[in-house]
Amino acid sequence: MTSIRAREILHQRARERHAARAAAAREAEEIRRSMLTRKAAARYLGLSEVYLREAWAAGVGPRAVKLGVERQSRVLYPIEELDRWRADPLNYSTPARDCGPFEPPRRGGRDRRQEPTR
């Protein structure tokens, strides 16, 4: 009789663990849906990925969450933060970083807004 009761207890614990894992998976999926990768965030804002990366690095871009370390890391942007930043990008700052004025990245070593020299 005790072995039957022990099996029932083990099955009950297994069901509880399964329910806890399922709840955690649902919560993780909900969080994942509320965040965008850098590429998706750039498309969402209508900006380039490079601009978004440089703005984040300088501390003037939308707040983001960095997952991982070094080269294997991912940066995810909460959609709410993207909306806040889009509403007022000039008065929005990431308080953890104060690196001075932000200059967007340039290609080719010269400012493309200037007239070409001949």
Protein backbone atom coordinates (compact mmCIF):
# COMPACT_ATOMS: atom_id res chain seq x y z
CA MET A 1 0.00 0.00 0.00
CA THR A 2 2.83 2.41 0.77
CA SER A 3 4.42 1.91 -2.65
CA ILE A 4 1.15 2.93 -4.34
CA ARG A 5 0.98 6.09 -2.21
CA ALA A 6 4.65 6.83 -2.95
CA ARG A 7 3.96 6.53 -6.70
CA GLU A 8 0.99 8.87 -6.38
CA ILE A 9 3.15 11.42 -4.60
CA LEU A 10 5.86 11.14 -7.26
CA HIS A 11 3.28 11.58 -10.05
CA GLN A 12 1.78 14.58 -8.30
CA ARG A 13 5.22 16.21 -7.97
CA ALA A 14 5.94 15.49 -11.62
CA ARG A 15 2.65 17.16 -12.62
CA GLU A 16 3.50 20.19 -10.48
CA ARG A 17 6.97 20.48 -12.07
CA HIS A 18 5.44 20.19 -15.52
CA ALA A 19 2.87 22.90 -14.71
CA ALA A 20 5.63 25.19 -13.37
CA ARG A 21 7.73 24.69 -16.51
CA ALA A 22 4.72 25.37 -18.74
CA ALA A 23 3.94 28.58 -16.84
CA ALA A 24 7.57 29.71 -17.10
CA ALA A 25 7.55 28.97 -20.84
CA ARG A 26 4.36 31.01 -21.31
CA GLU A 27 5.87 33.91 -19.36
CA ALA A 28 9.10 33.77 -21.40
CA GLU A 29 7.10 33.74 -24.64
CA GLU A 30 5.11 36.78 -23.50
CA ILE A 31 8.31 38.65 -22.67
CA ARG A 32 9.87 37.64 -26.00
CA ARG A 33 6.87 38.98 -27.91
CA SER A 34 7.15 42.34 -26.17
CA MET A 35 10.80 42.79 -27.24
CA LEU A 36 12.45 43.23 -30.62
CA THR A 37 15.91 42.39 -31.90
CA ARG A 38 18.08 45.26 -33.15
CA LYS A 39 17.16 44.49 -36.75
CA ALA A 40 13.43 44.41 -36.02
CA ALA A 41 13.68 47.52 -33.81
CA ALA A 42 15.46 49.40 -36.61
CA ARG A 43 12.68 48.44 -39.03
CA TYR A 44 10.06 49.41 -36.43
CA LEU A 45 11.63 52.87 -36.03
CA GLY A 46 12.57 53.34 -39.67
CA LEU A 47 16.29 53.62 -38.87
CA SER A 48 19.38 51.66 -39.84
CA GLU A 49 20.77 48.99 -37.54
CA VAL A 50 24.09 50.84 -37.42
CA TYR A 51 22.46 54.06 -36.27
CA LEU A 52 20.50 52.21 -33.59
CA ARG A 53 23.62 50.39 -32.36
CA GLU A 54 25.69 53.56 -32.23
CA ALA A 55 22.92 55.53 -30.50
CA TRP A 56 22.55 52.78 -27.90
CA ALA A 57 26.31 52.64 -27.35
CA ALA A 58 26.46 56.43 -26.91
CA GLY A 59 23.59 56.35 -24.43
CA VAL A 60 21.12 58.38 -26.46
CA GLY A 61 19.17 55.57 -28.07
CA PRO A 62 16.25 53.61 -26.72
CA ARG A 63 16.88 51.54 -23.60
CA ALA A 64 17.69 47.93 -24.33
CA VAL A 65 18.45 44.68 -22.58
CA LYS A 66 21.75 42.96 -23.36
CA LEU A 67 21.66 39.18 -23.10
CA GLY A 68 24.90 37.23 -23.01
CA VAL A 69 28.51 38.28 -22.99
CA GLU A 70 30.85 39.65 -25.61
CA ARG A 71 30.32 38.49 -29.19
CA GLN A 72 27.56 36.00 -28.44
CA SER A 73 25.36 38.63 -26.82
CA ARG A 74 22.02 39.85 -28.14
CA VAL A 75 20.44 43.22 -27.57
CA LEU A 76 16.66 43.30 -27.27
CA TYR A 77 14.55 46.44 -27.25
CA PRO A 78 11.24 46.57 -25.32
CA ILE A 79 8.53 47.91 -27.62
CA GLU A 80 7.38 50.39 -24.93
CA GLU A 81 10.87 51.92 -24.83
CA LEU A 82 10.96 52.22 -28.62
CA ASP A 83 7.62 54.04 -28.55
CA ARG A 84 8.84 56.41 -25.81
CA TRP A 85 12.06 57.13 -27.71
CA ARG A 86 10.20 57.67 -30.97
CA ALA A 87 7.86 60.16 -29.28
CA ASP A 88 10.72 62.43 -28.13
CA PRO A 89 14.22 61.26 -29.14
CA LEU A 90 15.95 64.56 -28.33
CA ASN A 91 14.86 64.60 -24.70
CA TYR A 92 15.31 60.88 -24.14
CA SER A 93 18.49 59.52 -22.65
CA THR A 94 19.78 56.32 -21.17
CA PRO A 95 20.81 57.41 -17.66
CA ALA A 96 23.44 54.71 -17.21
CA ARG A 97 25.60 56.24 -19.93
CA ASP A 98 26.71 59.82 -20.32
CA CYS A 99 29.21 59.81 -23.16
CA GLY A 100 28.70 63.31 -24.54
CA PRO A 101 27.05 64.31 -27.79
CA PHE A 102 26.08 61.61 -30.25
CA GLU A 103 27.25 61.73 -33.80
CA PRO A 104 25.66 59.32 -36.27
CA PRO A 105 28.03 56.95 -38.06
CA ARG A 106 29.48 58.03 -41.38
CA ARG A 107 30.60 55.92 -44.28
CA GLY A 108 33.51 56.55 -46.57
CA GLY A 109 35.33 58.93 -44.25
CA ARG A 110 33.58 62.08 -45.45
CA ASP A 111 30.28 63.70 -44.66
CA ARG A 112 27.89 62.92 -47.51
CA ARG A 113 25.94 66.11 -46.82
CA GLN A 114 28.84 68.21 -48.08
CA GLU A 115 29.32 68.97 -51.73
CA PRO A 116 31.82 66.66 -53.42
CA THR A 117 35.25 68.24 -53.95
CA ARG A 118 36.74 68.28 -57.42
